[in-house]
All heavy atoms as atom14 arrays in JSON, in Angstrom:
{
  "sequence": "NDLIKAEAAGLGMECAVEQSNHEGVIIDMLHAAMGVYD",
  "atom14_mask": [
    [1, 1, 1, 1, 1, 1, 1, 1, 0, 0, 0, 0, 0, 0],
    [1, 1, 1, 1, 1, 1, 1, 1, 0, 0, 0, 0, 0, 0],
    [1, 1, 1, 1, 1, 1, 1, 1, 0, 0, 0, 0, 0, 0],
    [1, 1, 1, 1, 1, 1, 1, 1, 0, 0, 0, 0, 0, 0],
    [1, 1, 1, 1, 1, 1, 1, 1, 1, 0, 0, 0, 0, 0],
    [1, 1, 1, 1, 1, 0, 0, 0, 0, 0, 0, 0, 0, 0],
    [1, 1, 1, 1, 1, 1, 1, 1, 1, 0, 0, 0, 0, 0],
    [1, 1, 1, 1, 1, 0, 0, 0, 0, 0, 0, 0, 0, 0],
    [1, 1, 1, 1, 1, 0, 0, 0, 0, 0, 0, 0, 0, 0],
    [1, 1, 1, 1, 0, 0, 0, 0, 0, 0, 0, 0, 0, 0],
    [1, 1, 1, 1, 1, 1, 1, 1, 0, 0, 0, 0, 0, 0],
    [1, 1, 1, 1, 0, 0, 0, 0, 0, 0, 0, 0, 0, 0],
    [1, 1, 1, 1, 1, 1, 1, 1, 0, 0, 0, 0, 0, 0],
    [1, 1, 1, 1, 1, 1, 1, 1, 1, 0, 0, 0, 0, 0],
    [1, 1, 1, 1, 1, 1, 0, 0, 0, 0, 0, 0, 0, 0],
    [1, 1, 1, 1, 1, 0, 0, 0, 0, 0, 0, 0, 0, 0],
    [1, 1, 1, 1, 1, 1, 1, 0, 0, 0, 0, 0, 0, 0],
    [1, 1, 1, 1, 1, 1, 1, 1, 1, 0, 0, 0, 0, 0],
    [1, 1, 1, 1, 1, 1, 1, 1, 1, 0, 0, 0, 0, 0],
    [1, 1, 1, 1, 1, 1, 0, 0, 0, 0, 0, 0, 0, 0],
    [1, 1, 1, 1, 1, 1, 1, 1, 0, 0, 0, 0, 0, 0],
    [1, 1, 1, 1, 1, 1, 1, 1, 1, 1, 0, 0, 0, 0],
    [1, 1, 1, 1, 1, 1, 1, 1, 1, 0, 0, 0, 0, 0],
    [1, 1, 1, 1, 0, 0, 0, 0, 0, 0, 0, 0, 0, 0],
    [1, 1, 1, 1, 1, 1, 1, 0, 0, 0, 0, 0, 0, 0],
    [1, 1, 1, 1, 1, 1, 1, 1, 0, 0, 0, 0, 0, 0],
    [1, 1, 1, 1, 1, 1, 1, 1, 0, 0, 0, 0, 0, 0],
    [1, 1, 1, 1, 1, 1, 1, 1, 0, 0, 0, 0, 0, 0],
    [1, 1, 1, 1, 1, 1, 1, 1, 0, 0, 0, 0, 0, 0],
    [1, 1, 1, 1, 1, 1, 1, 1, 0, 0, 0, 0, 0, 0],
    [1, 1, 1, 1, 1, 1, 1, 1, 1, 1, 0, 0, 0, 0],
    [1, 1, 1, 1, 1, 0, 0, 0, 0, 0, 0, 0, 0, 0],
    [1, 1, 1, 1, 1, 0, 0, 0, 0, 0, 0, 0, 0, 0],
    [1, 1, 1, 1, 1, 1, 1, 1, 0, 0, 0, 0, 0, 0],
    [1, 1, 1, 1, 0, 0, 0, 0, 0, 0, 0, 0, 0, 0],
    [1, 1, 1, 1, 1, 1, 1, 0, 0, 0, 0, 0, 0, 0],
    [1, 1, 1, 1, 1, 1, 1, 1, 1, 1, 1, 1, 0, 0],
    [1, 1, 1, 1, 1, 1, 1, 1, 0, 0, 0, 0, 0, 0]
  ],
  "atom14_positions": [
    [[8.36, -182.26, 24.03], [8.2, -181.1, 24.9], [7.93, -179.85, 24.09], [7.27, -178.99, 24.54], [9.49, -180.92, 25.77], [9.6, -181.95, 26.85], [8.54, -182.58, 27.21], [10.77, -182.19, 27.35], [0.0, 0.0, 0.0], [0.0, 0.0, 0.0], [0.0, 0.0, 0.0], [0.0, 0.0, 0.0], [0.0, 0.0, 0.0], [0.0, 0.0, 0.0]],
    [[8.6, -179.67, 22.98], [8.35, -178.52, 22.07], [6.89, -178.47, 21.63], [6.27, -177.4, 21.62], [9.29, -178.55, 20.84], [10.71, -178.28, 21.19], [10.99, -177.74, 22.29], [11.64, -178.54, 20.36], [0.0, 0.0, 0.0], [0.0, 0.0, 0.0], [0.0, 0.0, 0.0], [0.0, 0.0, 0.0], [0.0, 0.0, 0.0], [0.0, 0.0, 0.0]],
    [[6.36, -179.64, 21.28], [4.92, -179.71, 20.91], [4.05, -179.35, 22.1], [3.03, -178.56, 21.9], [4.55, -181.13, 20.4], [5.18, -181.55, 19.09], [4.91, -183.07, 18.88], [4.6, -180.73, 17.97], [0.0, 0.0, 0.0], [0.0, 0.0, 0.0], [0.0, 0.0, 0.0], [0.0, 0.0, 0.0], [0.0, 0.0, 0.0], [0.0, 0.0, 0.0]],
    [[4.35, -179.83, 23.27], [3.48, -179.52, 24.43], [3.52, -178.01, 24.7], [2.54, -177.38, 24.98], [4.06, -180.31, 25.67], [3.71, -181.77, 25.54], [3.41, -179.76, 26.98], [4.45, -182.68, 26.57], [0.0, 0.0, 0.0], [0.0, 0.0, 0.0], [0.0, 0.0, 0.0], [0.0, 0.0, 0.0], [0.0, 0.0, 0.0], [0.0, 0.0, 0.0]],
    [[4.73, -177.44, 24.74], [4.85, -176.01, 24.94], [4.19, -175.11, 23.98], [3.51, -174.14, 24.29], [6.34, -175.65, 25.11], [7.02, -176.21, 26.33], [8.54, -175.95, 26.32], [9.19, -176.57, 27.5], [10.66, -176.4, 27.48], [0.0, 0.0, 0.0], [0.0, 0.0, 0.0], [0.0, 0.0, 0.0], [0.0, 0.0, 0.0], [0.0, 0.0, 0.0]],
    [[4.27, -175.57, 22.69], [3.59, -174.82, 21.59], [2.06, -174.9, 21.81], [1.35, -173.84, 21.67], [4.06, -175.31, 20.26], [0.0, 0.0, 0.0], [0.0, 0.0, 0.0], [0.0, 0.0, 0.0], [0.0, 0.0, 0.0], [0.0, 0.0, 0.0], [0.0, 0.0, 0.0], [0.0, 0.0, 0.0], [0.0, 0.0, 0.0], [0.0, 0.0, 0.0]],
    [[1.55, -176.04, 22.1], [0.12, -176.21, 22.32], [-0.36, -175.34, 23.52], [-1.37, -174.68, 23.46], [-0.26, -177.65, 22.51], [-1.68, -177.91, 22.67], [-2.49, -177.78, 21.32], [-1.84, -177.81, 20.26], [-3.67, -177.5, 21.37], [0.0, 0.0, 0.0], [0.0, 0.0, 0.0], [0.0, 0.0, 0.0], [0.0, 0.0, 0.0], [0.0, 0.0, 0.0]],
    [[0.44, -175.34, 24.59], [0.05, -174.6, 25.75], [0.06, -173.04, 25.42], [-0.88, -172.3, 25.81], [1.03, -174.88, 26.94], [0.0, 0.0, 0.0], [0.0, 0.0, 0.0], [0.0, 0.0, 0.0], [0.0, 0.0, 0.0], [0.0, 0.0, 0.0], [0.0, 0.0, 0.0], [0.0, 0.0, 0.0], [0.0, 0.0, 0.0], [0.0, 0.0, 0.0]],
    [[1.09, -172.64, 24.74], [1.09, -171.24, 24.37], [0.01, -170.79, 23.46], [-0.55, -169.75, 23.64], [2.44, -170.93, 23.62], [0.0, 0.0, 0.0], [0.0, 0.0, 0.0], [0.0, 0.0, 0.0], [0.0, 0.0, 0.0], [0.0, 0.0, 0.0], [0.0, 0.0, 0.0], [0.0, 0.0, 0.0], [0.0, 0.0, 0.0], [0.0, 0.0, 0.0]],
    [[-0.38, -171.73, 22.57], [-1.52, -171.45, 21.69], [-2.9, -171.39, 22.51], [-3.79, -170.71, 22.05], [0.0, 0.0, 0.0], [0.0, 0.0, 0.0], [0.0, 0.0, 0.0], [0.0, 0.0, 0.0], [0.0, 0.0, 0.0], [0.0, 0.0, 0.0], [0.0, 0.0, 0.0], [0.0, 0.0, 0.0], [0.0, 0.0, 0.0], [0.0, 0.0, 0.0]],
    [[-2.92, -171.96, 23.66], [-4.1, -171.88, 24.53], [-3.92, -170.75, 25.52], [-4.8, -170.6, 26.37], [-4.25, -173.21, 25.29], [-4.58, -174.46, 24.35], [-4.58, -175.73, 25.2], [-6.0, -174.24, 23.77], [0.0, 0.0, 0.0], [0.0, 0.0, 0.0], [0.0, 0.0, 0.0], [0.0, 0.0, 0.0], [0.0, 0.0, 0.0], [0.0, 0.0, 0.0]],
    [[-2.83, -170.0, 25.43], [-2.61, -168.86, 26.38], [-2.22, -169.33, 27.74], [-2.43, -168.59, 28.72], [0.0, 0.0, 0.0], [0.0, 0.0, 0.0], [0.0, 0.0, 0.0], [0.0, 0.0, 0.0], [0.0, 0.0, 0.0], [0.0, 0.0, 0.0], [0.0, 0.0, 0.0], [0.0, 0.0, 0.0], [0.0, 0.0, 0.0], [0.0, 0.0, 0.0]],
    [[-1.51, -170.48, 27.8], [-1.11, -171.06, 29.16], [0.36, -170.98, 29.24], [1.08, -171.1, 28.21], [-1.57, -172.46, 29.25], [-3.07, -172.6, 29.16], [-3.56, -174.3, 28.87], [-3.31, -174.97, 30.44], [0.0, 0.0, 0.0], [0.0, 0.0, 0.0], [0.0, 0.0, 0.0], [0.0, 0.0, 0.0], [0.0, 0.0, 0.0], [0.0, 0.0, 0.0]],
    [[0.87, -170.89, 30.44], [2.32, -171.08, 30.69], [2.5, -172.53, 31.01], [1.67, -173.17, 31.7], [2.77, -170.24, 31.93], [2.78, -168.73, 31.71], [3.26, -167.96, 32.89], [3.95, -168.59, 33.74], [2.99, -166.79, 32.94], [0.0, 0.0, 0.0], [0.0, 0.0, 0.0], [0.0, 0.0, 0.0], [0.0, 0.0, 0.0], [0.0, 0.0, 0.0]],
    [[3.59, -173.02, 30.61], [3.81, -174.53, 30.75], [5.35, -174.78, 31.07], [6.22, -174.24, 30.4], [3.47, -175.23, 29.47], [3.7, -177.04, 29.55], [0.0, 0.0, 0.0], [0.0, 0.0, 0.0], [0.0, 0.0, 0.0], [0.0, 0.0, 0.0], [0.0, 0.0, 0.0], [0.0, 0.0, 0.0], [0.0, 0.0, 0.0], [0.0, 0.0, 0.0]],
    [[5.57, -175.57, 32.13], [6.93, -176.03, 32.42], [6.89, -177.51, 32.3], [5.9, -178.08, 32.52], [7.28, -175.57, 33.84], [0.0, 0.0, 0.0], [0.0, 0.0, 0.0], [0.0, 0.0, 0.0], [0.0, 0.0, 0.0], [0.0, 0.0, 0.0], [0.0, 0.0, 0.0], [0.0, 0.0, 0.0], [0.0, 0.0, 0.0], [0.0, 0.0, 0.0]],
    [[8.01, -178.05, 31.84], [8.14, -179.49, 31.7], [9.39, -180.02, 32.41], [10.46, -179.44, 32.31], [8.27, -179.85, 30.13], [8.28, -181.33, 29.96], [7.13, -179.24, 29.37], [0.0, 0.0, 0.0], [0.0, 0.0, 0.0], [0.0, 0.0, 0.0], [0.0, 0.0, 0.0], [0.0, 0.0, 0.0], [0.0, 0.0, 0.0], [0.0, 0.0, 0.0]],
    [[9.17, -181.08, 33.17], [10.23, -181.68, 33.89], [10.22, -183.21, 33.67], [9.15, -183.78, 33.26], [10.1, -181.47, 35.43], [10.1, -180.05, 35.81], [11.47, -179.33, 35.68], [12.52, -180.14, 35.62], [11.51, -178.15, 35.7], [0.0, 0.0, 0.0], [0.0, 0.0, 0.0], [0.0, 0.0, 0.0], [0.0, 0.0, 0.0], [0.0, 0.0, 0.0]],
    [[11.3, -183.85, 33.92], [11.38, -185.36, 33.77], [12.26, -185.91, 34.82], [13.33, -185.34, 35.15], [11.86, -185.75, 32.42], [11.82, -187.22, 32.04], [13.01, -188.08, 32.53], [14.1, -187.6, 32.67], [12.7, -189.33, 32.91], [0.0, 0.0, 0.0], [0.0, 0.0, 0.0], [0.0, 0.0, 0.0], [0.0, 0.0, 0.0], [0.0, 0.0, 0.0]],
    [[11.94, -187.02, 35.43], [12.83, -187.69, 36.31], [12.61, -189.27, 36.27], [11.47, -189.7, 35.94], [12.61, -187.29, 37.73], [13.49, -187.97, 38.64], [0.0, 0.0, 0.0], [0.0, 0.0, 0.0], [0.0, 0.0, 0.0], [0.0, 0.0, 0.0], [0.0, 0.0, 0.0], [0.0, 0.0, 0.0], [0.0, 0.0, 0.0], [0.0, 0.0, 0.0]],
    [[13.68, -189.94, 36.46], [13.57, -191.41, 36.54], [13.36, -191.93, 37.94], [13.38, -193.08, 38.22], [14.87, -192.08, 35.95], [14.96, -191.87, 34.43], [13.97, -191.99, 33.79], [16.09, -191.47, 33.96], [0.0, 0.0, 0.0], [0.0, 0.0, 0.0], [0.0, 0.0, 0.0], [0.0, 0.0, 0.0], [0.0, 0.0, 0.0], [0.0, 0.0, 0.0]],
    [[13.33, -190.97, 38.89], [13.34, -191.23, 40.31], [11.95, -190.84, 40.94], [11.62, -189.65, 40.91], [14.44, -190.64, 41.04], [15.83, -190.98, 40.47], [16.35, -192.24, 40.65], [16.56, -190.34, 39.61], [17.48, -192.27, 40.01], [17.67, -191.12, 39.34], [0.0, 0.0, 0.0], [0.0, 0.0, 0.0], [0.0, 0.0, 0.0], [0.0, 0.0, 0.0]],
    [[11.2, -191.78, 41.49], [9.91, -191.47, 42.03], [9.95, -190.42, 43.11], [9.07, -189.51, 43.23], [9.2, -192.73, 42.46], [8.84, -193.63, 41.37], [8.37, -195.01, 41.82], [8.43, -195.29, 43.05], [8.0, -195.8, 40.94], [0.0, 0.0, 0.0], [0.0, 0.0, 0.0], [0.0, 0.0, 0.0], [0.0, 0.0, 0.0], [0.0, 0.0, 0.0]],
    [[10.98, -190.5, 44.03], [11.06, -189.54, 45.1], [11.28, -188.07, 44.56], [10.74, -187.14, 45.14], [0.0, 0.0, 0.0], [0.0, 0.0, 0.0], [0.0, 0.0, 0.0], [0.0, 0.0, 0.0], [0.0, 0.0, 0.0], [0.0, 0.0, 0.0], [0.0, 0.0, 0.0], [0.0, 0.0, 0.0], [0.0, 0.0, 0.0], [0.0, 0.0, 0.0]],
    [[12.0, -187.94, 43.49], [12.18, -186.61, 42.86], [10.87, -186.12, 42.28], [10.55, -184.94, 42.38], [13.29, -186.67, 41.79], [13.42, -185.34, 41.02], [14.68, -187.05, 42.36], [0.0, 0.0, 0.0], [0.0, 0.0, 0.0], [0.0, 0.0, 0.0], [0.0, 0.0, 0.0], [0.0, 0.0, 0.0], [0.0, 0.0, 0.0], [0.0, 0.0, 0.0]],
    [[10.14, -187.04, 41.7], [8.82, -186.63, 41.17], [7.9, -186.12, 42.33], [7.21, -185.14, 42.19], [8.21, -187.73, 40.39], [9.02, -188.01, 39.1], [6.73, -187.44, 40.04], [8.57, -189.24, 38.37], [0.0, 0.0, 0.0], [0.0, 0.0, 0.0], [0.0, 0.0, 0.0], [0.0, 0.0, 0.0], [0.0, 0.0, 0.0], [0.0, 0.0, 0.0]],
    [[7.92, -186.84, 43.43], [7.06, -186.37, 44.58], [7.56, -184.99, 45.07], [6.72, -184.15, 45.36], [7.2, -187.43, 45.77], [6.61, -188.72, 45.35], [6.5, -186.85, 47.05], [5.14, -188.72, 44.95], [0.0, 0.0, 0.0], [0.0, 0.0, 0.0], [0.0, 0.0, 0.0], [0.0, 0.0, 0.0], [0.0, 0.0, 0.0], [0.0, 0.0, 0.0]],
    [[8.89, -184.76, 45.07], [9.44, -183.44, 45.48], [8.98, -182.38, 44.47], [8.63, -181.25, 44.87], [10.94, -183.48, 45.48], [11.52, -184.23, 46.7], [10.73, -184.47, 47.62], [12.69, -184.7, 46.69], [0.0, 0.0, 0.0], [0.0, 0.0, 0.0], [0.0, 0.0, 0.0], [0.0, 0.0, 0.0], [0.0, 0.0, 0.0], [0.0, 0.0, 0.0]],
    [[8.88, -182.72, 43.17], [8.37, -181.79, 42.14], [6.91, -181.4, 42.46], [6.53, -180.33, 42.3], [8.51, -182.38, 40.75], [9.85, -182.5, 40.18], [9.66, -183.26, 38.57], [11.45, -183.68, 38.27], [0.0, 0.0, 0.0], [0.0, 0.0, 0.0], [0.0, 0.0, 0.0], [0.0, 0.0, 0.0], [0.0, 0.0, 0.0], [0.0, 0.0, 0.0]],
    [[6.16, -182.47, 42.84], [4.75, -182.18, 43.07], [4.58, -181.24, 44.26], [3.72, -180.43, 44.31], [4.04, -183.48, 43.21], [3.92, -184.44, 42.03], [3.26, -185.71, 42.4], [3.23, -183.73, 40.9], [0.0, 0.0, 0.0], [0.0, 0.0, 0.0], [0.0, 0.0, 0.0], [0.0, 0.0, 0.0], [0.0, 0.0, 0.0], [0.0, 0.0, 0.0]],
    [[5.35, -181.54, 45.33], [5.26, -180.67, 46.51], [5.64, -179.29, 46.23], [5.05, -178.34, 46.69], [6.19, -181.26, 47.62], [5.68, -182.54, 48.24], [6.26, -183.15, 49.32], [4.65, -183.35, 47.89], [5.57, -184.24, 49.62], [4.57, -184.31, 48.78], [0.0, 0.0, 0.0], [0.0, 0.0, 0.0], [0.0, 0.0, 0.0], [0.0, 0.0, 0.0]],
    [[6.76, -179.09, 45.47], [7.17, -177.79, 45.08], [6.24, -177.02, 44.15], [6.16, -175.82, 44.18], [8.58, -177.88, 44.39], [0.0, 0.0, 0.0], [0.0, 0.0, 0.0], [0.0, 0.0, 0.0], [0.0, 0.0, 0.0], [0.0, 0.0, 0.0], [0.0, 0.0, 0.0], [0.0, 0.0, 0.0], [0.0, 0.0, 0.0], [0.0, 0.0, 0.0]],
    [[5.39, -177.75, 43.41], [4.41, -177.15, 42.54], [3.24, -176.56, 43.25], [2.52, -175.72, 42.65], [3.91, -178.25, 41.51], [0.0, 0.0, 0.0], [0.0, 0.0, 0.0], [0.0, 0.0, 0.0], [0.0, 0.0, 0.0], [0.0, 0.0, 0.0], [0.0, 0.0, 0.0], [0.0, 0.0, 0.0], [0.0, 0.0, 0.0], [0.0, 0.0, 0.0]],
    [[3.06, -176.99, 44.48], [1.77, -176.46, 45.18], [1.94, -174.95, 45.35], [2.94, -174.42, 45.78], [1.77, -177.13, 46.58], [1.44, -178.64, 46.48], [1.54, -179.49, 48.03], [0.49, -178.54, 49.11], [0.0, 0.0, 0.0], [0.0, 0.0, 0.0], [0.0, 0.0, 0.0], [0.0, 0.0, 0.0], [0.0, 0.0, 0.0], [0.0, 0.0, 0.0]],
    [[0.89, -174.27, 44.95], [0.87, -172.84, 45.09], [1.56, -172.1, 43.95], [1.51, -170.89, 43.88], [0.0, 0.0, 0.0], [0.0, 0.0, 0.0], [0.0, 0.0, 0.0], [0.0, 0.0, 0.0], [0.0, 0.0, 0.0], [0.0, 0.0, 0.0], [0.0, 0.0, 0.0], [0.0, 0.0, 0.0], [0.0, 0.0, 0.0], [0.0, 0.0, 0.0]],
    [[2.31, -172.85, 43.11], [2.94, -172.25, 41.98], [2.18, -172.47, 40.64], [2.14, -171.63, 39.86], [4.4, -172.79, 41.9], [5.15, -172.31, 40.65], [5.19, -172.53, 43.17], [0.0, 0.0, 0.0], [0.0, 0.0, 0.0], [0.0, 0.0, 0.0], [0.0, 0.0, 0.0], [0.0, 0.0, 0.0], [0.0, 0.0, 0.0], [0.0, 0.0, 0.0]],
    [[1.73, -173.69, 40.54], [0.98, -174.08, 39.3], [-0.51, -174.32, 39.54], [-0.87, -174.7, 40.66], [1.63, -175.35, 38.71], [3.04, -175.19, 38.27], [4.14, -175.53, 39.14], [3.33, -174.61, 37.0], [5.41, -175.3, 38.71], [4.64, -174.43, 36.58], [5.67, -174.77, 37.44], [6.99, -174.56, 37.02], [0.0, 0.0, 0.0], [0.0, 0.0, 0.0]],
    [[-1.3, -174.1, 38.58], [-2.7, -174.31, 38.64], [-3.05, -175.74, 38.43], [-4.18, -176.2, 38.81], [-3.47, -173.48, 37.68], [-3.23, -171.94, 37.88], [-3.55, -171.5, 38.99], [-2.69, -171.3, 37.05], [0.0, 0.0, 0.0], [0.0, 0.0, 0.0], [0.0, 0.0, 0.0], [0.0, 0.0, 0.0], [0.0, 0.0, 0.0], [0.0, 0.0, 0.0]]
  ]
}
């Protein structure tokens, strides 16, 4: 995650990182991301 965030920052991007072992939670993350992330 530190490597991902550093690479994103180097590209001038904002980056959030999440993890879940539950598919339903991942779907909820995707729904919540609509209109927030590019």
